[in-house]
Amino acid sequence: MKCNIVLLMVIAICIVSCGDDPVPKPKGYLRLEYPKANYALVKTSLPFSFEKNIMATNISTRKITGTTSSYGVNIEYPALKGTIYLTYKAVEGSRDNLIDFLRDAQNFTQKHTVKADEILPTEYVNKQRKVFGMFYKVGGNAASQSQFYVTDSVNHFLTGSLYFYVKPNYDSILPAASYLEKDIRHIMETVKWK
């Protein structure tokens, strides 16, 4: 009888243990695909115009209090959980005003060196439209992944920054940051001063 119980247990173990060997699954990565960018002219009463991606559904414009000629523009991308913040300032008086704006824009970008792995500057020049500036691609877990400024060196100065509504994790936001980087470059390339 004892032998029968042992034999039944051995048979039960053999039946239960038969099957496919567990195979580890390969690493999978989330693949995010965004629609091809289509751009439309933004018509506002601001002293400049530009084209934005039609994927940006909300645009808000505000006058910056305490100044006579400074404006903020928010270009929101709810699907990507990000916003491009533009700030326009009129260059008034002497070139010292412009130098202060340039210094502030460059210092603002350099504040991200604490968390950034790298900051890659790219100069932008369009002599025909009198648009001169700099684009900064910020790598790593910095708060802003892209920043820029453009000016005509006489009357106008525009800065822009990209921020997401989430804690910065470079690997997670990289696809959206790359997509919006192209939009920021397009904004720079289509700025026209009034």
Protein backbone atom coordinates (compact mmCIF):
# COMPACT_ATOMS: atom_id res chain seq x y z
CA MET A 1 0.00 0.00 0.00
CA LYS A 2 2.83 2.32 0.89
CA CYS A 3 4.41 1.53 -2.43
CA ASN A 4 1.21 2.43 -4.26
CA ILE A 5 1.03 5.81 -2.54
CA VAL A 6 4.67 6.56 -3.38
CA LEU A 7 4.12 5.42 -6.97
CA LEU A 8 1.01 7.63 -7.28
CA MET A 9 2.92 10.60 -5.87
CA VAL A 10 5.79 10.08 -8.32
CA ILE A 11 3.32 9.84 -11.23
CA ALA A 12 1.48 12.96 -10.02
CA ILE A 13 4.74 14.89 -9.72
CA CYS A 14 5.77 13.80 -13.23
CA ILE A 15 2.42 14.87 -14.69
CA VAL A 16 2.47 18.22 -12.91
CA SER A 17 6.09 18.95 -13.78
CA CYS A 18 5.64 18.22 -17.48
CA GLY A 19 5.19 21.28 -19.59
CA ASP A 20 7.04 24.05 -21.31
CA ASP A 21 10.16 25.34 -19.69
CA PRO A 22 9.82 28.99 -18.66
CA VAL A 23 11.54 31.26 -21.12
CA PRO A 24 12.45 34.81 -20.15
CA LYS A 25 10.72 37.43 -22.26
CA PRO A 26 12.90 39.85 -24.23
CA LYS A 27 13.02 43.44 -23.07
CA GLY A 28 10.26 45.48 -24.63
CA TYR A 29 10.21 49.21 -25.12
CA LEU A 30 7.22 51.45 -25.43
CA ARG A 31 6.95 52.77 -28.95
CA LEU A 32 5.35 56.17 -29.15
CA GLU A 33 4.37 57.51 -32.52
CA TYR A 34 3.17 61.05 -33.02
CA PRO A 35 1.36 62.41 -36.05
CA LYS A 36 3.31 64.23 -38.71
CA ALA A 37 3.51 67.89 -37.76
CA ASN A 38 1.26 70.31 -39.62
CA TYR A 39 1.79 73.99 -38.96
CA ALA A 40 -0.51 76.99 -39.05
CA LEU A 41 0.18 80.70 -38.66
CA VAL A 42 -0.68 82.13 -35.23
CA LYS A 43 -2.40 85.46 -35.65
CA THR A 44 -2.29 87.65 -32.55
CA SER A 45 -1.92 91.30 -31.70
CA LEU A 46 1.63 90.59 -30.46
CA PRO A 47 4.58 92.37 -32.12
CA PHE A 48 5.60 89.10 -33.80
CA SER A 49 4.03 86.16 -35.59
CA PHE A 50 5.01 82.51 -35.88
CA GLU A 51 3.70 79.12 -36.94
CA LYS A 52 2.65 76.44 -34.45
CA ASN A 53 1.89 72.76 -34.74
CA ILE A 54 -1.87 72.17 -35.00
CA MET A 55 -1.42 69.43 -32.37
CA ALA A 56 -1.07 72.26 -29.83
CA THR A 57 -4.69 72.80 -28.94
CA ASN A 58 -4.44 75.64 -26.45
CA ILE A 59 -2.69 78.97 -26.88
CA SER A 60 -2.95 81.63 -24.24
CA THR A 61 -1.47 85.12 -24.37
CA ARG A 62 -0.99 87.42 -21.42
CA LYS A 63 0.58 90.79 -20.80
CA ILE A 64 3.30 90.59 -18.17
CA THR A 65 2.32 92.89 -15.34
CA GLY A 66 4.60 95.75 -14.38
CA THR A 67 5.90 96.20 -17.92
CA THR A 68 4.68 98.15 -20.89
CA SER A 69 5.82 95.85 -23.65
CA SER A 70 6.35 92.30 -22.39
CA TYR A 71 4.08 89.37 -23.20
CA GLY A 72 3.85 85.70 -22.35
CA VAL A 73 2.50 83.06 -24.70
CA ASN A 74 1.76 79.47 -23.63
CA ILE A 75 1.50 76.82 -26.33
CA GLU A 76 -0.02 73.74 -24.70
CA TYR A 77 0.19 70.14 -25.90
CA PRO A 78 -2.28 68.23 -23.67
CA ALA A 79 -1.69 64.92 -25.48
CA LEU A 80 2.05 65.16 -24.72
CA LYS A 81 1.56 66.75 -21.29
CA GLY A 82 3.87 69.61 -22.15
CA THR A 83 3.89 73.35 -22.77
CA ILE A 84 6.17 75.68 -24.70
CA TYR A 85 6.41 78.98 -22.83
CA LEU A 86 7.32 82.04 -24.90
CA THR A 87 8.25 85.41 -23.40
CA TYR A 88 8.49 88.52 -25.57
CA LYS A 89 10.29 91.67 -24.42
CA ALA A 90 10.68 94.89 -26.36
CA VAL A 91 14.22 96.20 -26.56
CA GLU A 92 13.82 99.75 -25.32
CA GLY A 93 16.42 102.46 -25.03
CA SER A 94 20.04 101.48 -25.41
CA ARG A 95 21.72 98.22 -26.36
CA ASP A 96 22.37 97.68 -22.63
CA ASN A 97 18.78 96.49 -22.40
CA LEU A 98 19.45 93.87 -25.10
CA ILE A 99 22.67 92.78 -23.40
CA ASP A 100 20.74 92.24 -20.15
CA PHE A 101 18.12 90.15 -21.99
CA LEU A 102 20.82 88.02 -23.63
CA ARG A 103 22.64 87.49 -20.34
CA ASP A 104 19.38 86.52 -18.58
CA ALA A 105 18.47 84.02 -21.33
CA GLN A 106 21.91 82.40 -21.26
CA ASN A 107 22.00 82.29 -17.45
CA PHE A 108 18.53 80.74 -17.37
CA THR A 109 19.78 77.89 -19.56
CA GLN A 110 22.95 77.44 -17.49
CA LYS A 111 20.87 76.96 -14.32
CA HIS A 112 19.97 73.53 -15.70
CA THR A 113 23.59 72.33 -15.58
CA VAL A 114 22.94 70.94 -12.09
CA LYS A 115 20.69 68.17 -13.48
CA ALA A 116 21.60 68.22 -17.18
CA ASP A 117 23.99 65.68 -18.68
CA GLU A 118 24.78 68.06 -21.52
CA ILE A 119 23.67 71.33 -23.05
CA LEU A 120 24.16 71.55 -26.80
CA PRO A 121 23.90 75.08 -28.25
CA THR A 122 23.04 75.69 -31.90
CA GLU A 123 23.25 79.15 -33.42
CA TYR A 124 20.37 80.37 -35.60
CA VAL A 125 20.74 83.18 -38.15
CA ASN A 126 18.23 84.42 -40.74
CA LYS A 127 19.52 87.70 -42.15
CA GLN A 128 16.55 88.21 -44.50
CA ARG A 129 13.99 88.26 -41.69
CA LYS A 130 16.47 89.72 -39.16
CA VAL A 131 16.13 86.85 -36.73
CA PHE A 132 19.26 85.88 -34.79
CA GLY A 133 19.43 83.56 -31.83
CA MET A 134 20.45 80.38 -30.11
CA PHE A 135 18.77 77.02 -29.53
CA TYR A 136 19.78 74.88 -26.53
CA LYS A 137 19.10 71.15 -26.39
CA VAL A 138 19.31 70.03 -22.76
CA GLY A 139 20.07 66.36 -22.13
CA GLY A 140 19.40 64.50 -18.89
CA ASN A 141 16.85 64.95 -16.12
CA ALA A 142 16.71 68.75 -16.31
CA ALA A 143 13.41 70.55 -15.84
CA SER A 144 13.42 71.94 -19.40
CA GLN A 145 14.60 69.87 -22.39
CA SER A 146 14.77 72.69 -24.95
CA GLN A 147 15.26 76.44 -24.73
CA PHE A 148 15.90 79.23 -27.19
CA TYR A 149 16.07 82.94 -27.74
CA VAL A 150 15.80 85.06 -30.89
CA THR A 151 16.14 88.78 -31.49
CA ASP A 152 16.43 91.32 -34.29
CA SER A 153 19.17 93.03 -32.24
CA VAL A 154 17.28 96.34 -32.30
CA ASN A 155 13.64 96.17 -31.14
CA HIS A 156 12.54 92.62 -30.31
CA PHE A 157 13.61 89.80 -28.01
CA LEU A 158 11.83 86.42 -27.66
CA THR A 159 12.70 83.47 -25.41
CA GLY A 160 11.12 80.05 -25.22
CA SER A 161 11.29 76.98 -22.98
CA LEU A 162 9.75 73.52 -23.04
CA TYR A 163 8.37 72.02 -19.83
CA PHE A 164 6.44 68.82 -19.14
CA TYR A 165 3.80 68.31 -16.44
CA VAL A 166 5.72 65.37 -14.97
CA LYS A 167 8.85 64.85 -12.91
CA PRO A 168 11.79 64.89 -15.34
CA ASN A 169 12.84 61.39 -16.34
CA TYR A 170 14.84 61.75 -19.52
CA ASP A 171 14.24 58.21 -20.80
CA SER A 172 10.48 58.50 -20.41
CA ILE A 173 10.00 61.95 -21.94
CA LEU A 174 12.63 61.63 -24.69
CA PRO A 175 10.18 60.78 -27.52
CA ALA A 176 7.91 63.73 -26.66
CA ALA A 177 10.90 66.04 -26.07
CA SER A 178 12.33 65.14 -29.49
CA TYR A 179 8.97 65.75 -31.17
CA LEU A 180 8.51 69.14 -29.49
CA GLU A 181 12.13 70.12 -30.19
CA LYS A 182 11.21 70.14 -33.88
CA ASP A 183 8.23 72.38 -33.11
CA ILE A 184 10.43 74.80 -31.19
CA ARG A 185 12.90 74.96 -34.06
CA HIS A 186 9.98 75.62 -36.41
CA ILE A 187 8.79 78.47 -34.20
CA MET A 188 12.29 79.98 -34.36
CA GLU A 189 12.44 79.57 -38.13
CA THR A 190 9.03 81.17 -38.72
CA VAL A 191 9.23 84.17 -36.35
CA LYS A 192 8.45 87.42 -38.17
CA TRP A 193 8.70 90.76 -36.43
CA LYS A 194 5.92 93.31 -36.94
